[in-house]
Amino acid sequence: MGVKIIWTDFAKAELKQNFKYLKENASLRVAKNEIKKNVFQTLRLKDQPEIGQLEPMLKGRKIQFRYLLHQSYKLIYWINIDQNQIEIMDVFDTHQFPEKIKRTK
């Protein structure tokens, strides 16, 4: 399909927050590696946009949200067919209370 991948401001902010947490609680090297791995995971979506599972906590919305799982992170996205792009909406740390995932708009 060869779609474009777009990160929302919210997803970027969550990625930065996760980086900061890992940097403070693990190391700079670990933080950099984990962020790189999260971003790399999304590149698979260019050729296989429907590879992610449907996110059950976000059912019933106008947009059909999917996610990729990388270690303890859910990379939540949707396929914007009209714009021929994947929009990364959230980087959700699954150590959080599951209901918190509904903050994704």
N, C-alpha and C. Protein backbone atom coordinates (compact mmCIF):
# COMPACT_ATOMS: atom_id res chain seq x y z
N MET A 1 0.83 -1.20 0.00
CA MET A 1 0.00 0.00 0.00
C MET A 1 0.87 1.26 0.00
N GLY A 2 2.02 1.23 0.67
CA GLY A 2 2.95 2.35 0.67
C GLY A 2 2.39 3.65 1.21
N VAL A 3 1.81 3.62 2.39
CA VAL A 3 1.20 4.81 2.98
C VAL A 3 2.23 5.62 3.76
N LYS A 4 1.87 6.84 4.06
CA LYS A 4 2.71 7.75 4.83
C LYS A 4 2.37 7.56 6.32
N ILE A 5 3.37 7.70 7.18
CA ILE A 5 3.14 7.57 8.62
C ILE A 5 3.27 8.95 9.27
N ILE A 6 2.23 9.33 9.98
CA ILE A 6 2.17 10.63 10.65
C ILE A 6 2.04 10.40 12.16
N TRP A 7 2.81 11.12 12.94
CA TRP A 7 2.69 11.07 14.40
C TRP A 7 1.95 12.32 14.86
N THR A 8 0.90 12.13 15.64
CA THR A 8 0.17 13.28 16.19
C THR A 8 1.01 13.94 17.28
N ASP A 9 0.68 15.17 17.60
CA ASP A 9 1.38 15.87 18.67
C ASP A 9 1.24 15.12 19.99
N PHE A 10 0.05 14.56 20.22
CA PHE A 10 -0.19 13.81 21.45
C PHE A 10 0.74 12.59 21.52
N ALA A 11 0.85 11.84 20.44
CA ALA A 11 1.71 10.66 20.41
C ALA A 11 3.18 11.05 20.60
N LYS A 12 3.59 12.15 19.99
CA LYS A 12 4.97 12.62 20.16
C LYS A 12 5.23 12.99 21.62
N ALA A 13 4.26 13.63 22.25
CA ALA A 13 4.41 14.02 23.65
C ALA A 13 4.52 12.78 24.55
N GLU A 14 3.73 11.77 24.26
CA GLU A 14 3.79 10.53 25.04
C GLU A 14 5.13 9.83 24.83
N LEU A 15 5.63 9.84 23.61
CA LEU A 15 6.93 9.25 23.31
C LEU A 15 8.03 9.98 24.10
N LYS A 16 7.96 11.31 24.13
CA LYS A 16 8.93 12.10 24.89
C LYS A 16 8.84 11.82 26.38
N GLN A 17 7.63 11.68 26.87
CA GLN A 17 7.42 11.39 28.29
C GLN A 17 8.01 10.01 28.63
N ASN A 18 7.80 9.03 27.76
CA ASN A 18 8.36 7.70 27.98
C ASN A 18 9.89 7.74 27.95
N PHE A 19 10.44 8.55 27.02
CA PHE A 19 11.88 8.72 26.94
C PHE A 19 12.43 9.29 28.25
N LYS A 20 11.78 10.33 28.72
CA LYS A 20 12.21 10.98 29.95
C LYS A 20 12.19 10.00 31.13
N TYR A 21 11.11 9.24 31.22
CA TYR A 21 10.99 8.27 32.30
C TYR A 21 12.11 7.23 32.24
N LEU A 22 12.35 6.67 31.06
CA LEU A 22 13.39 5.66 30.90
C LEU A 22 14.78 6.24 31.17
N LYS A 23 15.00 7.45 30.74
CA LYS A 23 16.30 8.11 30.95
C LYS A 23 16.56 8.26 32.46
N GLU A 24 15.53 8.67 33.20
CA GLU A 24 15.68 8.89 34.63
C GLU A 24 15.74 7.60 35.44
N ASN A 25 15.03 6.57 34.97
CA ASN A 25 14.91 5.33 35.75
C ASN A 25 15.74 4.16 35.24
N ALA A 26 16.31 4.30 34.06
CA ALA A 26 17.17 3.25 33.52
C ALA A 26 18.49 3.91 33.12
N SER A 27 18.57 4.36 31.88
CA SER A 27 19.76 5.09 31.42
C SER A 27 19.43 5.78 30.11
N LEU A 28 20.30 6.68 29.71
CA LEU A 28 20.13 7.37 28.43
C LEU A 28 20.17 6.36 27.28
N ARG A 29 21.08 5.41 27.36
CA ARG A 29 21.20 4.40 26.30
C ARG A 29 19.93 3.57 26.17
N VAL A 30 19.39 3.14 27.28
CA VAL A 30 18.14 2.36 27.26
C VAL A 30 17.01 3.19 26.69
N ALA A 31 16.91 4.44 27.13
CA ALA A 31 15.84 5.32 26.64
C ALA A 31 15.93 5.50 25.13
N LYS A 32 17.11 5.78 24.62
CA LYS A 32 17.28 5.96 23.17
C LYS A 32 16.92 4.70 22.41
N ASN A 33 17.39 3.55 22.90
CA ASN A 33 17.11 2.28 22.22
C ASN A 33 15.62 1.97 22.18
N GLU A 34 14.94 2.17 23.28
CA GLU A 34 13.51 1.85 23.33
C GLU A 34 12.69 2.77 22.43
N ILE A 35 13.04 4.04 22.40
CA ILE A 35 12.31 4.97 21.53
C ILE A 35 12.55 4.61 20.07
N LYS A 36 13.79 4.30 19.72
CA LYS A 36 14.10 3.87 18.35
C LYS A 36 13.28 2.64 17.97
N LYS A 37 13.21 1.68 18.87
CA LYS A 37 12.47 0.45 18.59
C LYS A 37 10.98 0.73 18.40
N ASN A 38 10.43 1.63 19.22
CA ASN A 38 9.01 1.99 19.06
C ASN A 38 8.76 2.61 17.69
N VAL A 39 9.60 3.53 17.30
CA VAL A 39 9.44 4.19 16.01
C VAL A 39 9.63 3.19 14.88
N PHE A 40 10.63 2.33 15.00
CA PHE A 40 10.89 1.31 13.98
C PHE A 40 9.69 0.39 13.79
N GLN A 41 9.02 0.03 14.88
CA GLN A 41 7.84 -0.84 14.78
C GLN A 41 6.78 -0.25 13.86
N THR A 42 6.62 1.05 13.90
CA THR A 42 5.57 1.68 13.08
C THR A 42 5.90 1.65 11.59
N LEU A 43 7.17 1.51 11.24
CA LEU A 43 7.55 1.47 9.82
C LEU A 43 6.97 0.25 9.10
N ARG A 44 6.70 -0.81 9.85
CA ARG A 44 6.07 -2.00 9.26
C ARG A 44 4.69 -1.69 8.70
N LEU A 45 4.08 -0.64 9.22
CA LEU A 45 2.71 -0.28 8.80
C LEU A 45 2.66 0.25 7.37
N LYS A 46 3.77 0.73 6.85
CA LYS A 46 3.78 1.26 5.49
C LYS A 46 3.30 0.23 4.47
N ASP A 47 3.75 -1.00 4.63
CA ASP A 47 3.38 -2.05 3.69
C ASP A 47 2.26 -2.95 4.19
N GLN A 48 2.04 -2.96 5.49
CA GLN A 48 1.00 -3.80 6.08
C GLN A 48 0.21 -3.01 7.12
N PRO A 49 -0.58 -2.06 6.69
CA PRO A 49 -1.26 -1.19 7.65
C PRO A 49 -2.25 -1.89 8.58
N GLU A 50 -2.76 -3.02 8.18
CA GLU A 50 -3.73 -3.71 9.03
C GLU A 50 -3.10 -4.80 9.89
N ILE A 51 -1.79 -4.76 10.03
CA ILE A 51 -1.09 -5.77 10.81
C ILE A 51 -1.46 -5.69 12.30
N GLY A 52 -1.78 -4.50 12.77
CA GLY A 52 -2.13 -4.32 14.18
C GLY A 52 -3.52 -4.84 14.50
N GLN A 53 -3.67 -5.28 15.73
CA GLN A 53 -4.97 -5.75 16.20
C GLN A 53 -5.88 -4.56 16.49
N LEU A 54 -7.19 -4.81 16.45
CA LEU A 54 -8.14 -3.77 16.84
C LEU A 54 -8.04 -3.55 18.34
N GLU A 55 -8.09 -2.30 18.76
CA GLU A 55 -7.99 -1.97 20.18
C GLU A 55 -9.37 -2.09 20.82
N PRO A 56 -9.58 -3.11 21.66
CA PRO A 56 -10.91 -3.34 22.24
C PRO A 56 -11.38 -2.23 23.17
N MET A 57 -10.46 -1.54 23.83
CA MET A 57 -10.85 -0.47 24.76
C MET A 57 -11.35 0.78 24.02
N LEU A 58 -11.12 0.85 22.71
CA LEU A 58 -11.53 2.02 21.94
C LEU A 58 -12.60 1.67 20.91
N LYS A 59 -13.29 0.56 21.10
CA LYS A 59 -14.38 0.19 20.19
C LYS A 59 -15.52 1.19 20.34
N GLY A 60 -16.33 1.27 19.32
CA GLY A 60 -17.50 2.14 19.37
C GLY A 60 -17.22 3.58 19.01
N ARG A 61 -16.04 3.88 18.58
CA ARG A 61 -15.72 5.24 18.13
C ARG A 61 -15.86 5.31 16.62
N LYS A 62 -15.92 6.52 16.11
CA LYS A 62 -16.06 6.71 14.66
C LYS A 62 -14.84 6.16 13.92
N ILE A 63 -13.70 6.25 14.54
CA ILE A 63 -12.45 5.79 13.95
C ILE A 63 -12.15 4.39 14.50
N GLN A 64 -11.67 3.51 13.64
CA GLN A 64 -11.30 2.17 14.06
C GLN A 64 -9.81 2.17 14.45
N PHE A 65 -9.56 2.10 15.75
CA PHE A 65 -8.19 2.14 16.25
C PHE A 65 -7.58 0.74 16.28
N ARG A 66 -6.32 0.68 15.92
CA ARG A 66 -5.54 -0.55 15.96
C ARG A 66 -4.29 -0.27 16.80
N TYR A 67 -3.58 -1.35 17.12
CA TYR A 67 -2.34 -1.13 17.86
C TYR A 67 -1.29 -2.18 17.51
N LEU A 68 -0.06 -1.76 17.65
CA LEU A 68 1.09 -2.66 17.60
C LEU A 68 1.62 -2.72 19.03
N LEU A 69 2.08 -3.86 19.43
CA LEU A 69 2.62 -4.02 20.77
C LEU A 69 4.13 -4.15 20.68
N HIS A 70 4.82 -3.32 21.43
CA HIS A 70 6.27 -3.42 21.55
C HIS A 70 6.60 -3.39 23.03
N GLN A 71 7.05 -4.52 23.55
CA GLN A 71 7.33 -4.70 24.97
C GLN A 71 6.12 -4.26 25.78
N SER A 72 6.22 -3.20 26.57
CA SER A 72 5.08 -2.79 27.38
C SER A 72 4.34 -1.59 26.79
N TYR A 73 4.56 -1.31 25.52
CA TYR A 73 3.92 -0.16 24.88
C TYR A 73 2.95 -0.59 23.79
N LYS A 74 1.79 0.07 23.78
CA LYS A 74 0.84 -0.09 22.69
C LYS A 74 0.99 1.15 21.82
N LEU A 75 1.31 0.93 20.57
CA LEU A 75 1.41 2.02 19.60
C LEU A 75 0.07 2.08 18.89
N ILE A 76 -0.77 3.01 19.30
CA ILE A 76 -2.14 3.08 18.82
C ILE A 76 -2.22 3.97 17.58
N TYR A 77 -2.90 3.45 16.56
CA TYR A 77 -2.98 4.16 15.29
C TYR A 77 -4.32 3.90 14.61
N TRP A 78 -4.57 4.67 13.56
CA TRP A 78 -5.71 4.40 12.68
C TRP A 78 -5.28 4.64 11.26
N ILE A 79 -5.99 4.01 10.36
CA ILE A 79 -5.67 4.11 8.94
C ILE A 79 -6.58 5.16 8.32
N ASN A 80 -6.00 6.26 7.88
CA ASN A 80 -6.74 7.33 7.25
C ASN A 80 -6.67 7.09 5.73
N ILE A 81 -7.64 6.37 5.23
CA ILE A 81 -7.65 5.99 3.81
C ILE A 81 -7.74 7.21 2.90
N ASP A 82 -8.55 8.20 3.29
CA ASP A 82 -8.73 9.40 2.47
C ASP A 82 -7.41 10.14 2.23
N GLN A 83 -6.55 10.16 3.24
CA GLN A 83 -5.27 10.87 3.14
C GLN A 83 -4.11 9.93 2.78
N ASN A 84 -4.40 8.64 2.63
CA ASN A 84 -3.40 7.61 2.36
C ASN A 84 -2.27 7.67 3.39
N GLN A 85 -2.67 7.67 4.68
CA GLN A 85 -1.68 7.73 5.74
C GLN A 85 -2.12 6.96 6.98
N ILE A 86 -1.14 6.60 7.78
CA ILE A 86 -1.34 5.99 9.08
C ILE A 86 -1.09 7.09 10.09
N GLU A 87 -2.00 7.26 11.03
CA GLU A 87 -1.82 8.29 12.06
C GLU A 87 -1.58 7.60 13.39
N ILE A 88 -0.37 7.79 13.92
CA ILE A 88 -0.03 7.26 15.23
C ILE A 88 -0.64 8.22 16.25
N MET A 89 -1.56 7.70 17.03
CA MET A 89 -2.34 8.55 17.94
C MET A 89 -1.81 8.57 19.37
N ASP A 90 -1.19 7.46 19.80
CA ASP A 90 -0.79 7.34 21.19
C ASP A 90 0.31 6.31 21.33
N VAL A 91 1.14 6.49 22.32
CA VAL A 91 2.11 5.49 22.74
C VAL A 91 1.75 5.21 24.20
N PHE A 92 1.00 4.13 24.39
CA PHE A 92 0.42 3.85 25.70
C PHE A 92 1.24 2.81 26.45
N ASP A 93 1.72 3.18 27.63
CA ASP A 93 2.46 2.25 28.47
C ASP A 93 1.45 1.35 29.17
N THR A 94 1.52 0.05 28.91
CA THR A 94 0.52 -0.88 29.43
C THR A 94 0.65 -1.13 30.92
N HIS A 95 1.64 -0.54 31.57
CA HIS A 95 1.72 -0.62 33.02
C HIS A 95 0.70 0.30 33.69
N GLN A 96 0.10 1.18 32.91
CA GLN A 96 -0.89 2.11 33.44
C GLN A 96 -2.24 1.41 33.59
N PHE A 97 -3.14 2.04 34.31
CA PHE A 97 -4.49 1.54 34.47
C PHE A 97 -5.14 1.47 33.08
N PRO A 98 -5.65 0.32 32.66
CA PRO A 98 -6.16 0.13 31.29
C PRO A 98 -7.21 1.15 30.85
N GLU A 99 -8.06 1.58 31.73
CA GLU A 99 -9.11 2.54 31.36
C GLU A 99 -8.52 3.88 30.87
N LYS A 100 -7.30 4.17 31.28
CA LYS A 100 -6.66 5.42 30.89
C LYS A 100 -6.44 5.52 29.38
N ILE A 101 -6.46 4.37 28.70
CA ILE A 101 -6.26 4.36 27.25
C ILE A 101 -7.36 5.14 26.52
N LYS A 102 -8.49 5.30 27.15
CA LYS A 102 -9.63 5.99 26.51
C LYS A 102 -9.37 7.48 26.35
N ARG A 103 -8.24 7.97 26.83
CA ARG A 103 -7.91 9.38 26.64
C ARG A 103 -7.58 9.68 25.20
N THR A 104 -7.26 8.64 24.42
CA THR A 104 -6.98 8.81 22.99
C THR A 104 -8.23 9.33 22.30
N LYS A 105 -8.11 10.43 21.57
CA LYS A 105 -9.29 11.04 20.95
C LYS A 105 -9.64 10.39 19.64
